């Protein structure tokens, strides 16, 4: 329930807006860099962010991203993550919102994503 609170009091971009996700974001589960043109830069996330494996050792990913919208979560970015170690590719949604004036991305659909990513 605590992870829902920022969404309730935060502000998301409008339904047709493209939120400003380009940049580097960090959270307790790792970091992700969204580059101009739809490529991902440096990405280091716990394995559970992509394939559900419980491990405290971050994994490096490559991939692409695009602006998108998730019906229940609002606007953000869809990221296609491919582990450099050869694990299967996964697609994850990062919802964009602001909370107390700070830009944040919330990784949706995984149980380890209680803490949002904040812009660096």
Protein backbone atom coordinates (compact mmCIF):
# COMPACT_ATOMS: atom_id res chain seq x y z
CA UNK A 1 0.00 0.00 0.00
CA UNK A 2 2.88 2.39 0.70
CA UNK A 3 4.02 2.20 -2.93
CA UNK A 4 0.59 3.43 -4.04
CA UNK A 5 0.66 6.57 -1.89
CA UNK A 6 3.04 8.58 -4.12
CA UNK A 7 0.83 7.81 -7.10
CA UNK A 8 -2.23 9.13 -5.33
CA UNK A 9 -0.64 12.42 -4.30
CA UNK A 10 1.77 12.77 -7.21
CA UNK A 11 1.13 14.31 -10.57
CA UNK A 12 1.47 12.43 -13.82
CA UNK A 13 1.85 13.89 -17.29
CA UNK A 14 -1.36 14.37 -19.29
CA UNK A 15 -2.71 11.48 -21.36
CA UNK A 16 -1.20 12.72 -24.65
CA UNK A 17 2.01 14.15 -23.23
CA UNK A 18 5.42 12.56 -23.54
CA UNK A 19 6.95 12.73 -20.07
CA UNK A 20 10.59 13.87 -19.81
CA UNK A 21 12.16 10.49 -19.06
CA UNK A 22 15.46 11.11 -20.86
CA UNK A 23 18.25 11.03 -18.29
CA UNK A 24 19.67 8.85 -15.54
CA UNK A 25 17.44 7.45 -12.79
CA UNK A 26 18.38 5.54 -9.62
CA UNK A 27 16.57 3.51 -7.00
CA UNK A 28 17.34 0.83 -4.44
CA UNK A 29 17.07 -1.84 -7.17
CA UNK A 30 19.53 -0.20 -9.55
CA UNK A 31 19.84 2.48 -12.20
CA UNK A 32 18.65 3.07 -15.74
CA UNK A 33 19.64 5.63 -18.33
CA UNK A 34 17.15 6.67 -21.03
CA UNK A 35 18.93 8.24 -24.02
CA UNK A 36 17.53 10.48 -26.77
CA UNK A 37 16.38 8.50 -29.78
CA UNK A 38 14.98 5.49 -27.89
CA UNK A 39 18.12 3.68 -26.76
CA UNK A 40 19.05 2.75 -23.21
CA UNK A 41 22.47 3.77 -21.91
CA UNK A 42 23.91 2.22 -18.76
CA UNK A 43 21.42 -0.07 -17.05
CA UNK A 44 22.19 -2.02 -13.88
CA UNK A 45 19.22 -3.66 -12.15
CA UNK A 46 18.59 -6.53 -9.78
CA UNK A 47 17.64 -9.64 -11.79
CA UNK A 48 14.15 -9.67 -10.26
CA UNK A 49 13.39 -6.45 -12.19
CA UNK A 50 13.36 -8.48 -15.40
CA UNK A 51 13.14 -12.20 -14.88
CA UNK A 52 11.95 -12.63 -11.31
CA UNK A 53 15.13 -14.24 -9.96
CA UNK A 54 15.98 -13.27 -6.37
CA UNK A 55 19.55 -12.04 -6.23
CA UNK A 56 21.27 -9.07 -4.61
CA UNK A 57 23.83 -8.82 -7.43
CA UNK A 58 22.85 -6.30 -10.14
CA UNK A 59 22.80 -7.37 -13.78
CA UNK A 60 23.81 -5.18 -16.74
CA UNK A 61 21.19 -4.68 -19.45
CA UNK A 62 21.03 -3.11 -22.90
CA UNK A 63 17.92 -2.22 -24.81
CA UNK A 64 15.51 0.32 -26.16
CA UNK A 65 12.63 2.41 -24.86
CA UNK A 66 9.60 4.34 -26.11
CA UNK A 67 7.04 6.66 -24.59
CA UNK A 68 3.84 4.94 -23.66
CA UNK A 69 0.85 4.72 -21.43
CA UNK A 70 -0.41 2.02 -19.15
CA UNK A 71 -4.15 2.21 -18.56
CA UNK A 72 -4.04 2.06 -14.75
CA UNK A 73 -0.70 3.83 -14.30
CA UNK A 74 -0.64 6.80 -16.67
CA UNK A 75 2.15 7.96 -18.95
CA UNK A 76 5.76 6.87 -18.86
CA UNK A 77 8.16 4.71 -20.84
CA UNK A 78 8.20 1.10 -22.01
CA UNK A 79 11.71 -0.35 -21.79
CA UNK A 80 12.81 -3.51 -23.57
CA UNK A 81 15.64 -4.94 -21.44
CA UNK A 82 18.11 -7.55 -22.64
CA UNK A 83 20.62 -8.90 -20.13
CA UNK A 84 24.21 -8.82 -21.36
CA UNK A 85 24.58 -12.24 -19.66
CA UNK A 86 22.15 -13.73 -22.19
CA UNK A 87 18.99 -14.04 -20.11
CA UNK A 88 15.69 -13.66 -21.94
CA UNK A 89 14.53 -10.18 -22.90
CA UNK A 90 11.72 -8.59 -20.93
CA UNK A 91 9.58 -5.50 -21.36
CA UNK A 92 8.93 -3.29 -18.33
CA UNK A 93 6.88 -0.15 -17.82
CA UNK A 94 8.23 2.86 -15.91
CA UNK A 95 5.48 5.29 -14.87
CA UNK A 96 6.50 8.95 -14.73
CA UNK A 97 5.18 11.18 -11.92
CA UNK A 98 6.26 13.95 -9.61
CA UNK A 99 6.07 13.85 -5.84
CA UNK A 100 6.87 16.83 -3.66
CA UNK A 101 8.49 18.51 -6.67
CA UNK A 102 10.78 15.58 -7.44
CA UNK A 103 10.57 13.66 -10.73
CA UNK A 104 10.19 9.91 -10.31
CA UNK A 105 9.76 6.73 -12.30
CA UNK A 106 7.93 3.78 -10.80
CA UNK A 107 8.76 0.35 -12.22
CA UNK A 108 5.45 -1.49 -12.48
CA UNK A 109 4.62 -5.17 -12.45
CA UNK A 110 7.40 -6.46 -10.18
CA UNK A 111 7.26 -7.05 -6.45
CA UNK A 112 10.74 -5.61 -5.71
CA UNK A 113 9.90 -2.14 -7.04
CA UNK A 114 8.62 -0.48 -3.86
CA UNK A 115 11.07 2.39 -4.13
CA UNK A 116 10.72 4.67 -7.19
CA UNK A 117 13.61 5.76 -9.38
CA UNK A 118 14.62 9.40 -8.94
CA UNK A 119 16.30 11.61 -11.51
CA UNK A 120 20.05 12.02 -11.00
